[in-house]
Amino acid sequence: MKSYSDDEMRQGIAAAKSYCVVILRATSKRREPGVDTIIWEHGRRNFGLRADGVMPIVCAVNDGSDLSGVGIFTTPVDETKRIMDEDPGVKAGVFTYEVHPCRGFPGSSLP
């Protein structure tokens, strides 16, 4: 692991930008018949948000818990909530979500 000087840390912290973390949770409706069509459209929308740079990090969680996913949005909190309120899964009551403002380093990515 690389060691960082105090100056390098200060420069890195100064370059951090504001983002939003969205935590998506499944409701009991997730187990209802026919919900797969809604989930498919939710996924299609996520593809578009990622392609548009609005949600560059999308992580589905498939561990059997009610946690369904985590996303990083480039939009402010109010806009992120507006975007999530229009999600097909949220509108159908299949998912609920939390939005948390955060800071991160531009250019971070998954390998």
C-alpha atoms as a PDB file:
ATOM      1  CA  MET A   1       0.000   0.000   0.000  1.00  0.00           C
ATOM      2  CA  LYS A   2       1.316   3.432  -0.981  1.00  0.00           C
ATOM      3  CA  SER A   3       2.065   5.880   1.800  1.00  0.00           C
ATOM      4  CA  TYR A   4       0.686   9.437   1.441  1.00  0.00           C
ATOM      5  CA  SER A   5       2.172  12.629   2.819  1.00  0.00           C
ATOM      6  CA  ASP A   6       0.022  15.190   4.628  1.00  0.00           C
ATOM      7  CA  ASP A   7       0.250  17.486   1.571  1.00  0.00           C
ATOM      8  CA  GLU A   8      -0.931  14.707  -0.753  1.00  0.00           C
ATOM      9  CA  MET A   9      -3.828  13.994   1.601  1.00  0.00           C
ATOM     10  CA  ARG A  10      -4.826  17.681   1.722  1.00  0.00           C
ATOM     11  CA  GLN A  11      -4.720  17.911  -2.102  1.00  0.00           C
ATOM     12  CA  GLY A  12      -6.801  14.777  -2.449  1.00  0.00           C
ATOM     13  CA  ILE A  13      -9.383  15.903   0.089  1.00  0.00           C
ATOM     14  CA  ALA A  14      -9.620  19.311  -1.615  1.00  0.00           C
ATOM     15  CA  ALA A  15     -10.445  17.538  -4.900  1.00  0.00           C
ATOM     16  CA  ALA A  16     -13.373  15.603  -3.366  1.00  0.00           C
ATOM     17  CA  LYS A  17     -16.818  16.362  -4.802  1.00  0.00           C
ATOM     18  CA  SER A  18     -20.367  16.005  -3.526  1.00  0.00           C
ATOM     19  CA  TYR A  19     -22.398  12.928  -4.465  1.00  0.00           C
ATOM     20  CA  CYS A  20     -25.391  11.041  -3.091  1.00  0.00           C
ATOM     21  CA  VAL A  21     -25.480   7.451  -1.923  1.00  0.00           C
ATOM     22  CA  VAL A  22     -28.811   5.698  -2.454  1.00  0.00           C
ATOM     23  CA  ILE A  23     -29.588   2.595  -0.441  1.00  0.00           C
ATOM     24  CA  LEU A  24     -32.394   0.561  -1.996  1.00  0.00           C
ATOM     25  CA  ARG A  25     -34.432  -1.888   0.080  1.00  0.00           C
ATOM     26  CA  ALA A  26     -37.046  -4.427  -0.966  1.00  0.00           C
ATOM     27  CA  THR A  27     -40.508  -4.419   0.551  1.00  0.00           C
ATOM     28  CA  SER A  28     -42.751  -7.454   1.002  1.00  0.00           C
ATOM     29  CA  LYS A  29     -44.112  -6.733  -2.504  1.00  0.00           C
ATOM     30  CA  ARG A  30     -40.782  -7.981  -3.902  1.00  0.00           C
ATOM     31  CA  ARG A  31     -42.044 -11.550  -3.432  1.00  0.00           C
ATOM     32  CA  GLU A  32     -45.410 -11.019  -5.173  1.00  0.00           C
ATOM     33  CA  PRO A  33     -46.170 -12.772  -8.473  1.00  0.00           C
ATOM     34  CA  GLY A  34     -45.484 -10.735 -11.607  1.00  0.00           C
ATOM     35  CA  VAL A  35     -43.027  -8.349  -9.940  1.00  0.00           C
ATOM     36  CA  ASP A  36     -40.184  -9.477 -12.207  1.00  0.00           C
ATOM     37  CA  THR A  37     -41.508  -7.238 -15.001  1.00  0.00           C
ATOM     38  CA  ILE A  38     -41.273  -4.217 -12.696  1.00  0.00           C
ATOM     39  CA  ILE A  39     -37.760  -5.217 -11.603  1.00  0.00           C
ATOM     40  CA  TRP A  40     -36.740  -5.557 -15.263  1.00  0.00           C
ATOM     41  CA  GLU A  41     -37.911  -1.997 -16.009  1.00  0.00           C
ATOM     42  CA  HIS A  42     -36.151  -0.755 -12.872  1.00  0.00           C
ATOM     43  CA  GLY A  43     -32.960  -2.325 -14.233  1.00  0.00           C
ATOM     44  CA  ARG A  44     -33.506  -0.812 -17.688  1.00  0.00           C
ATOM     45  CA  ARG A  45     -33.831   2.606 -16.078  1.00  0.00           C
ATOM     46  CA  ASN A  46     -30.621   2.041 -14.115  1.00  0.00           C
ATOM     47  CA  PHE A  47     -28.815   1.266 -17.378  1.00  0.00           C
ATOM     48  CA  GLY A  48     -29.982   4.638 -18.720  1.00  0.00           C
ATOM     49  CA  LEU A  49     -29.020   6.554 -15.578  1.00  0.00           C
ATOM     50  CA  ARG A  50     -25.579   4.972 -15.699  1.00  0.00           C
ATOM     51  CA  ALA A  51     -25.145   5.746 -19.399  1.00  0.00           C
ATOM     52  CA  ASP A  52     -26.190   9.364 -18.774  1.00  0.00           C
ATOM     53  CA  GLY A  53     -23.608   9.709 -15.968  1.00  0.00           C
ATOM     54  CA  VAL A  54     -26.312  10.356 -13.356  1.00  0.00           C
ATOM     55  CA  MET A  55     -25.619   7.125 -11.451  1.00  0.00           C
ATOM     56  CA  PRO A  56     -22.120   6.012 -12.463  1.00  0.00           C
ATOM     57  CA  ILE A  57     -21.914   3.338  -9.768  1.00  0.00           C
ATOM     58  CA  VAL A  58     -24.730   0.763  -9.548  1.00  0.00           C
ATOM     59  CA  CYS A  59     -24.401  -2.258  -7.275  1.00  0.00           C
ATOM     60  CA  ALA A  60     -27.138  -4.857  -6.947  1.00  0.00           C
ATOM     61  CA  VAL A  61     -27.157  -6.777  -3.672  1.00  0.00           C
ATOM     62  CA  ASN A  62     -28.296 -10.397  -3.896  1.00  0.00           C
ATOM     63  CA  ASP A  63     -27.641 -11.825  -0.444  1.00  0.00           C
ATOM     64  CA  GLY A  64     -31.225 -12.645   0.524  1.00  0.00           C
ATOM     65  CA  SER A  65     -31.572  -9.626   2.811  1.00  0.00           C
ATOM     66  CA  ASP A  66     -33.945  -6.715   2.206  1.00  0.00           C
ATOM     67  CA  LEU A  67     -30.981  -4.668   0.963  1.00  0.00           C
ATOM     68  CA  SER A  68     -31.409  -4.657  -2.818  1.00  0.00           C
ATOM     69  CA  GLY A  69     -28.810  -2.214  -4.040  1.00  0.00           C
ATOM     70  CA  VAL A  70     -26.513   0.745  -3.605  1.00  0.00           C
ATOM     71  CA  GLY A  71     -25.990   3.510  -6.128  1.00  0.00           C
ATOM     72  CA  ILE A  72     -23.823   6.620  -6.280  1.00  0.00           C
ATOM     73  CA  PHE A  73     -25.527   9.611  -7.905  1.00  0.00           C
ATOM     74  CA  THR A  74     -23.862  12.753  -9.243  1.00  0.00           C
ATOM     75  CA  THR A  75     -26.977  14.814  -8.478  1.00  0.00           C
ATOM     76  CA  PRO A  76     -27.892  16.866  -5.381  1.00  0.00           C
ATOM     77  CA  VAL A  77     -30.129  15.294  -2.707  1.00  0.00           C
ATOM     78  CA  ASP A  78     -33.409  16.879  -3.884  1.00  0.00           C
ATOM     79  CA  GLU A  79     -32.835  15.872  -7.499  1.00  0.00           C
ATOM     80  CA  THR A  80     -31.764  12.377  -6.472  1.00  0.00           C
ATOM     81  CA  LYS A  81     -35.009  11.985  -4.507  1.00  0.00           C
ATOM     82  CA  ARG A  82     -36.998  13.194  -7.524  1.00  0.00           C
ATOM     83  CA  ILE A  83     -35.218  10.667  -9.747  1.00  0.00           C
ATOM     84  CA  MET A  84     -35.802   7.845  -7.279  1.00  0.00           C
ATOM     85  CA  ASP A  85     -39.473   8.754  -6.804  1.00  0.00           C
ATOM     86  CA  GLU A  86     -39.929   8.059 -10.538  1.00  0.00           C
ATOM     87  CA  ASP A  87     -38.268   4.626 -10.382  1.00  0.00           C
ATOM     88  CA  PRO A  88     -40.728   1.915 -11.505  1.00  0.00           C
ATOM     89  CA  GLY A  89     -39.927  -0.259  -8.490  1.00  0.00           C
ATOM     90  CA  VAL A  90     -40.359   2.611  -6.041  1.00  0.00           C
ATOM     91  CA  LYS A  91     -43.596   3.741  -7.697  1.00  0.00           C
ATOM     92  CA  ALA A  92     -44.954   0.167  -7.468  1.00  0.00           C
ATOM     93  CA  GLY A  93     -43.998  -0.100  -3.784  1.00  0.00           C
ATOM     94  CA  VAL A  94     -41.492  -2.885  -4.483  1.00  0.00           C
ATOM     95  CA  PHE A  95     -38.601  -0.791  -3.177  1.00  0.00           C
ATOM     96  CA  THR A  96     -38.010   1.943  -0.643  1.00  0.00           C
ATOM     97  CA  TYR A  97     -34.860   4.038  -0.586  1.00  0.00           C
ATOM     98  CA  GLU A  98     -32.655   6.258   1.530  1.00  0.00           C
ATOM     99  CA  VAL A  99     -30.567   9.128   0.147  1.00  0.00           C
ATOM    100  CA  HIS A 100     -27.407  10.257   1.925  1.00  0.00           C
ATOM    101  CA  PRO A 101     -25.147  13.108   0.808  1.00  0.00           C
ATOM    102  CA  CYS A 102     -21.507  12.121   0.665  1.00  0.00           C
ATOM    103  CA  ARG A 103     -18.168  13.221  -0.727  1.00  0.00           C
ATOM    104  CA  GLY A 104     -15.896  11.195  -2.939  1.00  0.00           C
ATOM    105  CA  PHE A 105     -13.051  11.394  -5.378  1.00  0.00           C
ATOM    106  CA  PRO A 106     -13.874  12.073  -9.029  1.00  0.00           C
ATOM    107  CA  GLY A 107     -12.619   9.323 -11.290  1.00  0.00           C
ATOM    108  CA  SER A 108     -13.142   6.573  -8.709  1.00  0.00           C
ATOM    109  CA  SER A 109     -14.347   3.429 -10.422  1.00  0.00           C
ATOM    110  CA  LEU A 110     -14.820  -0.280 -10.029  1.00  0.00           C
ATOM    111  CA  PRO A 111     -12.058  -2.431 -11.520  1.00  0.00           C
END
